[in-house]
Amino acid sequence: MQMTGNTIFITGGTSGIGRALAEQFHSLGNKVIIAGRRQALLDEVAAAHPGIEGVALDISDAADIDRVAAQLIREYPALNVLVNNAGIMPFDDPSGRIDDAVSRRILDTNLLGPIRLTSALIEHLKAQPHATIIHNTSVLAYVPIATNAVYSASKAALHSYALSQRFTLKGTSVTVQEIAPPWVDTDLIKKSGDPRAMPLDAFIAETMKGLATDAPEVFVEAIRALRDNPGIGEHALIDGFNAEIAANPIPV
């Protein structure tokens, strides 16, 4: 993607990967607007980085998405980059009963949120000379973790959606990129300094380099082996991956 001269909207921009991306894009001279549910956190980021603006948004609410999309088009007519970053990662156990309300919240946030927001903005983005849609999925889109089965499924579905969207936007001014983080040490799960988690600054540095290319998927080298899912042999890979996690559980 083009890394400067953009007007960029980032969901889930008040913490973790979203905030770090906002800060990096802002430092490059882009106009950055972030979204989040809590106005106090939006104000905190804006105060720390003058020029970044915040918009309150509940990404799980279809009506709120339509409201914010109309506001963005009205107030930021040059908007040409959408970063679908917001996500939640509750733990679950697919060997037992899973709370339906939690599952619906995951899907509304992680999958339907990006689909709805992209849909609400797509005609505006197609009217720009150049535009980019970035979907933040996960390494778990390729190799699910059994302790977060619904989350993994939501990210696999978003990866599939990105593949279809990229194809259908061929010949337009809009490109689609996907970032697939490994376990990054943020509050998505619990920021703990676990040595298995990639430091946020290292992840962002490598990801920004990837976004500056035309790569459809941007992932850090540390997860390449997991991205190269072995097809028919994936069952053994996934069993081994989850056995290792089970032996050394992620802190909750």
C-alpha atoms as a PDB file:
ATOM      1  CA  MET A   1       0.000   0.000   0.000  1.00  0.00           C
ATOM      2  CA  GLN A   2       0.941   3.624  -0.273  1.00  0.00           C
ATOM      3  CA  MET A   3       2.290   4.555   3.165  1.00  0.00           C
ATOM      4  CA  THR A   4       1.908   8.345   3.098  1.00  0.00           C
ATOM      5  CA  GLY A   5      -0.704  10.864   2.038  1.00  0.00           C
ATOM      6  CA  ASN A   6      -3.620   8.755   3.262  1.00  0.00           C
ATOM      7  CA  THR A   7      -6.691   9.323   5.395  1.00  0.00           C
ATOM      8  CA  ILE A   8      -6.920   6.168   7.502  1.00  0.00           C
ATOM      9  CA  PHE A   9      -9.708   4.803   9.696  1.00  0.00           C
ATOM     10  CA  ILE A  10      -8.674   2.136  12.232  1.00  0.00           C
ATOM     11  CA  THR A  11     -11.162   0.212  14.351  1.00  0.00           C
ATOM     12  CA  GLY A  12     -10.042  -0.947  17.782  1.00  0.00           C
ATOM     13  CA  GLY A  13      -7.523   1.867  17.762  1.00  0.00           C
ATOM     14  CA  THR A  14      -7.304   2.625  21.483  1.00  0.00           C
ATOM     15  CA  SER A  15      -4.965  -0.192  22.481  1.00  0.00           C
ATOM     16  CA  GLY A  16      -2.691  -2.975  21.300  1.00  0.00           C
ATOM     17  CA  ILE A  17      -2.056  -3.493  17.602  1.00  0.00           C
ATOM     18  CA  GLY A  18      -4.663  -0.925  16.549  1.00  0.00           C
ATOM     19  CA  ARG A  19      -3.167   1.864  18.594  1.00  0.00           C
ATOM     20  CA  ALA A  20       0.363   0.973  17.539  1.00  0.00           C
ATOM     21  CA  LEU A  21      -0.619   1.026  13.862  1.00  0.00           C
ATOM     22  CA  ALA A  22      -2.364   4.367  14.375  1.00  0.00           C
ATOM     23  CA  GLU A  23       0.752   5.848  15.953  1.00  0.00           C
ATOM     24  CA  GLN A  24       3.002   4.548  13.181  1.00  0.00           C
ATOM     25  CA  PHE A  25       0.778   5.788  10.367  1.00  0.00           C
ATOM     26  CA  HIS A  26       0.397   9.135  12.138  1.00  0.00           C
ATOM     27  CA  SER A  27       4.186   9.466  12.437  1.00  0.00           C
ATOM     28  CA  LEU A  28       4.414   9.081   8.641  1.00  0.00           C
ATOM     29  CA  GLY A  29       2.194  12.116   8.156  1.00  0.00           C
ATOM     30  CA  ASN A  30      -1.089  10.363   7.400  1.00  0.00           C
ATOM     31  CA  LYS A  31      -4.420  11.622   8.704  1.00  0.00           C
ATOM     32  CA  VAL A  32      -5.542   8.990  11.209  1.00  0.00           C
ATOM     33  CA  ILE A  33      -8.975   8.469  12.735  1.00  0.00           C
ATOM     34  CA  ILE A  34      -9.416   5.736  15.323  1.00  0.00           C
ATOM     35  CA  ALA A  35     -12.543   4.032  16.598  1.00  0.00           C
ATOM     36  CA  GLY A  36     -13.354   2.423  19.918  1.00  0.00           C
ATOM     37  CA  ARG A  37     -16.237   1.974  22.289  1.00  0.00           C
ATOM     38  CA  ARG A  38     -14.919   4.148  25.132  1.00  0.00           C
ATOM     39  CA  GLN A  39     -14.665   7.885  24.557  1.00  0.00           C
ATOM     40  CA  ALA A  40     -12.192   8.328  27.427  1.00  0.00           C
ATOM     41  CA  LEU A  41      -9.664   6.060  25.700  1.00  0.00           C
ATOM     42  CA  LEU A  42     -10.182   7.802  22.371  1.00  0.00           C
ATOM     43  CA  ASP A  43      -9.504  11.123  24.078  1.00  0.00           C
ATOM     44  CA  GLU A  44      -6.389   9.692  25.733  1.00  0.00           C
ATOM     45  CA  VAL A  45      -4.864   8.633  22.398  1.00  0.00           C
ATOM     46  CA  ALA A  46      -5.784  11.950  20.766  1.00  0.00           C
ATOM     47  CA  ALA A  47      -4.182  13.891  23.610  1.00  0.00           C
ATOM     48  CA  ALA A  48      -0.989  11.840  23.397  1.00  0.00           C
ATOM     49  CA  HIS A  49      -0.780  12.258  19.613  1.00  0.00           C
ATOM     50  CA  PRO A  50      -2.195  15.605  18.472  1.00  0.00           C
ATOM     51  CA  GLY A  51      -3.753  15.196  15.057  1.00  0.00           C
ATOM     52  CA  ILE A  52      -5.190  11.741  15.648  1.00  0.00           C
ATOM     53  CA  GLU A  53      -8.964  11.953  15.962  1.00  0.00           C
ATOM     54  CA  GLY A  54     -11.374   9.534  17.613  1.00  0.00           C
ATOM     55  CA  VAL A  55     -14.854   8.319  16.757  1.00  0.00           C
ATOM     56  CA  ALA A  56     -16.941   6.284  19.201  1.00  0.00           C
ATOM     57  CA  LEU A  57     -18.115   3.061  17.567  1.00  0.00           C
ATOM     58  CA  ASP A  58     -19.587  -0.236  18.709  1.00  0.00           C
ATOM     59  CA  ILE A  59     -18.385  -2.467  15.883  1.00  0.00           C
ATOM     60  CA  SER A  60     -20.823  -5.205  16.933  1.00  0.00           C
ATOM     61  CA  ASP A  61     -23.826  -2.927  16.295  1.00  0.00           C
ATOM     62  CA  ALA A  62     -24.990  -2.736  12.658  1.00  0.00           C
ATOM     63  CA  ALA A  63     -26.873   0.533  13.181  1.00  0.00           C
ATOM     64  CA  ASP A  64     -23.857   2.159  14.826  1.00  0.00           C
ATOM     65  CA  ILE A  65     -21.675   1.081  11.902  1.00  0.00           C
ATOM     66  CA  ASP A  66     -24.051   2.780   9.453  1.00  0.00           C
ATOM     67  CA  ARG A  67     -24.052   5.930  11.591  1.00  0.00           C
ATOM     68  CA  VAL A  68     -20.260   6.111  11.774  1.00  0.00           C
ATOM     69  CA  ALA A  69     -19.792   5.287   8.088  1.00  0.00           C
ATOM     70  CA  ALA A  70     -22.040   8.211   7.144  1.00  0.00           C
ATOM     71  CA  GLN A  71     -20.108  10.449   9.536  1.00  0.00           C
ATOM     72  CA  LEU A  72     -16.769   9.398   8.069  1.00  0.00           C
ATOM     73  CA  ILE A  73     -17.860  10.032   4.496  1.00  0.00           C
ATOM     74  CA  ARG A  74     -19.229  13.419   5.491  1.00  0.00           C
ATOM     75  CA  GLU A  75     -16.352  14.625   7.669  1.00  0.00           C
ATOM     76  CA  TYR A  76     -13.390  12.894   5.989  1.00  0.00           C
ATOM     77  CA  PRO A  77     -14.121  12.857   2.245  1.00  0.00           C
ATOM     78  CA  ALA A  78     -10.514  11.877   1.469  1.00  0.00           C
ATOM     79  CA  LEU A  79     -10.826   8.646   3.493  1.00  0.00           C
ATOM     80  CA  ASN A  80      -9.026   5.981   1.462  1.00  0.00           C
ATOM     81  CA  VAL A  81      -7.730   3.370   3.935  1.00  0.00           C
ATOM     82  CA  LEU A  82      -9.844   1.170   6.190  1.00  0.00           C
ATOM     83  CA  VAL A  83      -8.152  -0.999   8.811  1.00  0.00           C
ATOM     84  CA  ASN A  84     -10.537  -3.603  10.216  1.00  0.00           C
ATOM     85  CA  ASN A  85      -8.633  -4.277  13.414  1.00  0.00           C
ATOM     86  CA  ALA A  86     -11.161  -4.506  16.265  1.00  0.00           C
ATOM     87  CA  GLY A  87     -11.532  -7.950  17.782  1.00  0.00           C
ATOM     88  CA  ILE A  88     -12.236  -9.875  20.963  1.00  0.00           C
ATOM     89  CA  MET A  89     -10.842 -13.251  22.066  1.00  0.00           C
ATOM     90  CA  PRO A  90     -12.839 -14.974  24.828  1.00  0.00           C
ATOM     91  CA  PHE A  91     -11.785 -18.482  25.788  1.00  0.00           C
ATOM     92  CA  ASP A  92     -14.186 -21.381  25.194  1.00  0.00           C
ATOM     93  CA  ASP A  93     -14.309 -25.183  25.209  1.00  0.00           C
ATOM     94  CA  PRO A  94     -15.859 -26.814  22.134  1.00  0.00           C
ATOM     95  CA  SER A  95     -15.944 -30.162  23.928  1.00  0.00           C
ATOM     96  CA  GLY A  96     -18.753 -28.769  26.066  1.00  0.00           C
ATOM     97  CA  ARG A  97     -21.581 -26.250  25.905  1.00  0.00           C
ATOM     98  CA  ILE A  98     -20.463 -22.849  24.625  1.00  0.00           C
ATOM     99  CA  ASP A  99     -22.297 -19.707  25.734  1.00  0.00           C
ATOM    100  CA  ASP A 100     -24.345 -18.614  22.721  1.00  0.00           C
ATOM    101  CA  ALA A 101     -24.283 -14.943  23.701  1.00  0.00           C
ATOM    102  CA  VAL A 102     -20.479 -14.979  23.818  1.00  0.00           C
ATOM    103  CA  SER A 103     -20.266 -16.703  20.430  1.00  0.00           C
ATOM    104  CA  ARG A 104     -22.602 -14.144  18.886  1.00  0.00           C
ATOM    105  CA  ARG A 105     -20.534 -11.299  20.344  1.00  0.00           C
ATOM    106  CA  ILE A 106     -17.347 -12.781  18.857  1.00  0.00           C
ATOM    107  CA  LEU A 107     -18.908 -13.185  15.420  1.00  0.00           C
ATOM    108  CA  ASP A 108     -20.584  -9.764  15.493  1.00  0.00           C
ATOM    109  CA  THR A 109     -17.277  -8.137  16.417  1.00  0.00           C
ATOM    110  CA  ASN A 110     -14.647 -10.155  14.548  1.00  0.00           C
ATOM    111  CA  LEU A 111     -16.491 -11.136  11.381  1.00  0.00           C
ATOM    112  CA  LEU A 112     -19.737  -9.259  10.790  1.00  0.00           C
ATOM    113  CA  GLY A 113     -18.220  -5.999  12.048  1.00  0.00           C
ATOM    114  CA  PRO A 114     -15.554  -5.885   9.307  1.00  0.00           C
ATOM    115  CA  ILE A 115     -18.025  -7.118   6.669  1.00  0.00           C
ATOM    116  CA  ARG A 116     -20.626  -4.513   7.608  1.00  0.00           C
ATOM    117  CA  LEU A 117     -18.159  -1.636   7.894  1.00  0.00           C
ATOM    118  CA  THR A 118     -16.438  -2.481   4.620  1.00  0.00           C
ATOM    119  CA  SER A 119     -19.799  -2.773   2.911  1.00  0.00           C
ATOM    120  CA  ALA A 120     -20.870   0.625   4.248  1.00  0.00           C
ATOM    121  CA  LEU A 121     -17.684   2.292   2.962  1.00  0.00           C
ATOM    122  CA  ILE A 122     -16.897   0.318  -0.184  1.00  0.00           C
ATOM    123  CA  GLU A 123     -18.476   2.655  -2.752  1.00  0.00           C
ATOM    124  CA  HIS A 124     -16.702   5.613  -1.164  1.00  0.00           C
ATOM    125  CA  LEU A 125     -13.382   3.752  -1.256  1.00  0.00           C
ATOM    126  CA  LYS A 126     -13.886   2.736  -4.895  1.00  0.00           C
ATOM    127  CA  ALA A 127     -14.351   6.416  -5.778  1.00  0.00           C
ATOM    128  CA  GLN A 128     -10.868   7.291  -4.448  1.00  0.00           C
ATOM    129  CA  PRO A 129      -7.860   7.373  -6.803  1.00  0.00           C
ATOM    130  CA  HIS A 130      -6.230   4.688  -4.663  1.00  0.00           C
ATOM    131  CA  ALA A 131      -7.557   2.927  -1.584  1.00  0.00           C
ATOM    132  CA  THR A 132      -6.679   0.008   0.665  1.00  0.00           C
ATOM    133  CA  ILE A 133      -8.671  -2.272   2.932  1.00  0.00           C
ATOM    134  CA  ILE A 134      -6.631  -4.038   5.630  1.00  0.00           C
ATOM    135  CA  HIS A 135      -8.156  -6.952   7.504  1.00  0.00           C
ATOM    136  CA  ASN A 136      -6.463  -8.012  10.746  1.00  0.00           C
ATOM    137  CA  THR A 137      -6.994 -11.763  10.994  1.00  0.00           C
ATOM    138  CA  SER A 138      -4.609 -14.060  12.903  1.00  0.00           C
ATOM    139  CA  VAL A 139      -2.259 -16.991  12.549  1.00  0.00           C
ATOM    140  CA  LEU A 140      -5.208 -18.822  14.111  1.00  0.00           C
ATOM    141  CA  ALA A 141      -7.066 -18.320  10.826  1.00  0.00           C
ATOM    142  CA  TYR A 142      -4.734 -20.996   9.465  1.00  0.00           C
ATOM    143  CA  VAL A 143      -4.087 -23.126  12.565  1.00  0.00           C
ATOM    144  CA  PRO A 144      -6.893 -22.939  15.156  1.00  0.00           C
ATOM    145  CA  ILE A 145      -6.256 -22.993  18.870  1.00  0.00           C
ATOM    146  CA  ALA A 146      -8.695 -25.298  20.644  1.00  0.00           C
ATOM    147  CA  THR A 147      -9.047 -23.074  23.717  1.00  0.00           C
ATOM    148  CA  ASN A 148     -10.465 -20.290  21.510  1.00  0.00           C
ATOM    149  CA  ALA A 149     -12.408 -22.250  18.932  1.00  0.00           C
ATOM    150  CA  VAL A 150     -15.008 -19.616  18.032  1.00  0.00           C
ATOM    151  CA  TYR A 151     -12.373 -16.876  17.819  1.00  0.00           C
ATOM    152  CA  SER A 152     -10.237 -19.050  15.529  1.00  0.00           C
ATOM    153  CA  ALA A 153     -13.260 -19.801  13.355  1.00  0.00           C
ATOM    154  CA  SER A 154     -14.133 -16.096  13.113  1.00  0.00           C
ATOM    155  CA  LYS A 155     -10.625 -15.289  11.905  1.00  0.00           C
ATOM    156  CA  ALA A 156     -10.642 -18.159   9.405  1.00  0.00           C
ATOM    157  CA  ALA A 157     -13.910 -16.798   8.039  1.00  0.00           C
ATOM    158  CA  LEU A 158     -12.504 -13.265   7.771  1.00  0.00           C
ATOM    159  CA  HIS A 159      -9.475 -14.652   5.911  1.00  0.00           C
ATOM    160  CA  SER A 160     -11.834 -16.364   3.468  1.00  0.00           C
ATOM    161  CA  TYR A 161     -13.825 -13.148   3.053  1.00  0.00           C
ATOM    162  CA  ALA A 162     -10.633 -11.208   2.309  1.00  0.00           C
ATOM    163  CA  LEU A 163      -9.708 -13.695  -0.414  1.00  0.00           C
ATOM    164  CA  SER A 164     -13.072 -13.253  -2.113  1.00  0.00           C
ATOM    165  CA  GLN A 165     -13.083  -9.484  -1.695  1.00  0.00           C
ATOM    166  CA  ARG A 166      -9.579  -9.160  -3.137  1.00  0.00           C
ATOM    167  CA  PHE A 167     -10.644 -11.059  -6.250  1.00  0.00           C
ATOM    168  CA  THR A 168     -13.840  -9.087  -6.797  1.00  0.00           C
ATOM    169  CA  LEU A 169     -12.039  -5.740  -6.450  1.00  0.00           C
ATOM    170  CA  LYS A 170      -9.563  -6.516  -9.214  1.00  0.00           C
ATOM    171  CA  GLY A 171      -9.671  -3.741 -11.766  1.00  0.00           C
ATOM    172  CA  THR A 172     -10.745  -1.129  -9.209  1.00  0.00           C
ATOM    173  CA  SER A 173      -8.677   1.393  -7.294  1.00  0.00           C
ATOM    174  CA  VAL A 174      -9.045  -0.652  -4.091  1.00  0.00           C
ATOM    175  CA  THR A 175      -6.500  -3.221  -2.931  1.00  0.00           C
ATOM    176  CA  VAL A 176      -7.003  -5.661  -0.058  1.00  0.00           C
ATOM    177  CA  GLN A 177      -4.264  -6.643   2.357  1.00  0.00           C
ATOM    178  CA  GLU A 178      -4.446  -9.003   5.303  1.00  0.00           C
ATOM    179  CA  ILE A 179      -2.251  -8.971   8.373  1.00  0.00           C
ATOM    180  CA  ALA A 180      -2.070 -12.205  10.347  1.00  0.00           C
ATOM    181  CA  PRO A 181      -0.469 -11.631  13.754  1.00  0.00           C
ATOM    182  CA  PRO A 182       1.061 -14.351  15.870  1.00  0.00           C
ATOM    183  CA  TRP A 183       0.550 -14.198  19.626  1.00  0.00           C
ATOM    184  CA  VAL A 184       1.528 -10.582  20.312  1.00  0.00           C
ATOM    185  CA  ASP A 185       2.002  -9.335  23.870  1.00  0.00           C
ATOM    186  CA  THR A 186      -1.083  -7.114  24.142  1.00  0.00           C
ATOM    187  CA  ASP A 187      -4.253  -7.061  26.215  1.00  0.00           C
ATOM    188  CA  LEU A 188      -6.207  -9.049  23.605  1.00  0.00           C
ATOM    189  CA  ILE A 189      -5.598 -12.035  25.874  1.00  0.00           C
ATOM    190  CA  LYS A 190      -3.578 -10.738  28.809  1.00  0.00           C
ATOM    191  CA  LYS A 191      -0.390  -8.746  28.516  1.00  0.00           C
ATOM    192  CA  SER A 192       1.976 -10.836  30.595  1.00  0.00           C
ATOM    193  CA  GLY A 193       5.468 -10.688  29.120  1.00  0.00           C
ATOM    194  CA  ASP A 194       5.199 -14.379  28.246  1.00  0.00           C
ATOM    195  CA  PRO A 195       8.313 -15.210  26.204  1.00  0.00           C
ATOM    196  CA  ARG A 196       6.166 -17.012  23.623  1.00  0.00           C
ATOM    197  CA  ALA A 197       4.416 -13.739  22.774  1.00  0.00           C
ATOM    198  CA  MET A 198       6.034 -11.433  20.206  1.00  0.00           C
ATOM    199  CA  PRO A 199       6.779  -7.944  21.563  1.00  0.00           C
ATOM    200  CA  LEU A 200       4.377  -5.407  20.103  1.00  0.00           C
ATOM    201  CA  ASP A 201       7.076  -3.062  18.813  1.00  0.00           C
ATOM    202  CA  ALA A 202       8.837  -5.876  16.942  1.00  0.00           C
ATOM    203  CA  PHE A 203       5.562  -7.030  15.413  1.00  0.00           C
ATOM    204  CA  ILE A 204       4.623  -3.522  14.275  1.00  0.00           C
ATOM    205  CA  ALA A 205       8.059  -2.843  12.761  1.00  0.00           C
ATOM    206  CA  GLU A 206       7.930  -6.022  10.663  1.00  0.00           C
ATOM    207  CA  THR A 207       4.277  -5.489   9.740  1.00  0.00           C
ATOM    208  CA  MET A 208       4.790  -1.913   8.546  1.00  0.00           C
ATOM    209  CA  LYS A 209       7.550  -3.125   6.226  1.00  0.00           C
ATOM    210  CA  GLY A 210       5.172  -5.716   4.806  1.00  0.00           C
ATOM    211  CA  LEU A 211       2.326  -3.252   4.338  1.00  0.00           C
ATOM    212  CA  ALA A 212       4.644  -1.031   2.300  1.00  0.00           C
ATOM    213  CA  THR A 213       4.748  -3.767  -0.358  1.00  0.00           C
ATOM    214  CA  ASP A 214       2.038  -5.133  -2.629  1.00  0.00           C
ATOM    215  CA  ALA A 215       1.847  -8.378  -0.651  1.00  0.00           C
ATOM    216  CA  PRO A 216      -1.757  -9.554  -0.260  1.00  0.00           C
ATOM    217  CA  GLU A 217      -0.875 -11.188   3.075  1.00  0.00           C
ATOM    218  CA  VAL A 218       1.495  -9.665   5.594  1.00  0.00           C
ATOM    219  CA  PHE A 219       2.782 -11.955   8.314  1.00  0.00           C
ATOM    220  CA  VAL A 220       5.952 -12.093  10.379  1.00  0.00           C
ATOM    221  CA  GLU A 221       8.561 -14.693   9.546  1.00  0.00           C
ATOM    222  CA  ALA A 222       8.034 -16.342  12.938  1.00  0.00           C
ATOM    223  CA  ILE A 223       4.714 -17.814  11.746  1.00  0.00           C
ATOM    224  CA  ARG A 224       5.715 -18.817   8.216  1.00  0.00           C
ATOM    225  CA  ALA A 225       5.728 -22.532   9.079  1.00  0.00           C
ATOM    226  CA  LEU A 226       2.187 -22.273  10.450  1.00  0.00           C
ATOM    227  CA  ARG A 227       1.054 -20.295   7.418  1.00  0.00           C
ATOM    228  CA  ASP A 228       2.434 -23.051   5.193  1.00  0.00           C
ATOM    229  CA  ASN A 229      -0.309 -25.342   6.428  1.00  0.00           C
ATOM    230  CA  PRO A 230       0.427 -28.815   5.048  1.00  0.00           C
ATOM    231  CA  GLY A 231      -3.017 -29.432   3.585  1.00  0.00           C
ATOM    232  CA  ILE A 232      -4.082 -33.026   4.125  1.00  0.00           C
ATOM    233  CA  GLY A 233      -1.537 -33.261   6.926  1.00  0.00           C
ATOM    234  CA  GLU A 234      -3.064 -30.388   8.877  1.00  0.00           C
ATOM    235  CA  HIS A 235      -4.625 -32.667  11.484  1.00  0.00           C
ATOM    236  CA  ALA A 236      -1.248 -33.737  12.836  1.00  0.00           C
ATOM    237  CA  LEU A 237      -0.001 -30.142  12.741  1.00  0.00           C
ATOM    238  CA  ILE A 238      -3.012 -28.837  14.649  1.00  0.00           C
ATOM    239  CA  ASP A 239      -2.898 -31.681  17.172  1.00  0.00           C
ATOM    240  CA  GLY A 240       0.768 -30.979  17.861  1.00  0.00           C
ATOM    241  CA  PHE A 241       0.218 -27.226  18.077  1.00  0.00           C
ATOM    242  CA  ASN A 242      -2.617 -27.599  20.577  1.00  0.00           C
ATOM    243  CA  ALA A 243      -0.819 -30.278  22.608  1.00  0.00           C
ATOM    244  CA  GLU A 244       2.047 -27.848  23.101  1.00  0.00           C
ATOM    245  CA  ILE A 245      -0.336 -25.100  24.206  1.00  0.00           C
ATOM    246  CA  ALA A 246      -2.144 -27.481  26.559  1.00  0.00           C
ATOM    247  CA  ALA A 247       1.169 -28.395  28.178  1.00  0.00           C
ATOM    248  CA  ASN A 248       1.965 -24.718  28.717  1.00  0.00           C
ATOM    249  CA  PRO A 249      -1.392 -22.904  28.943  1.00  0.00           C
ATOM    250  CA  ILE A 250      -1.813 -19.286  27.930  1.00  0.00           C
ATOM    251  CA  PRO A 251      -2.318 -17.136  31.045  1.00  0.00           C
ATOM    252  CA  VAL A 252      -5.915 -15.997  31.494  1.00  0.00           C
END
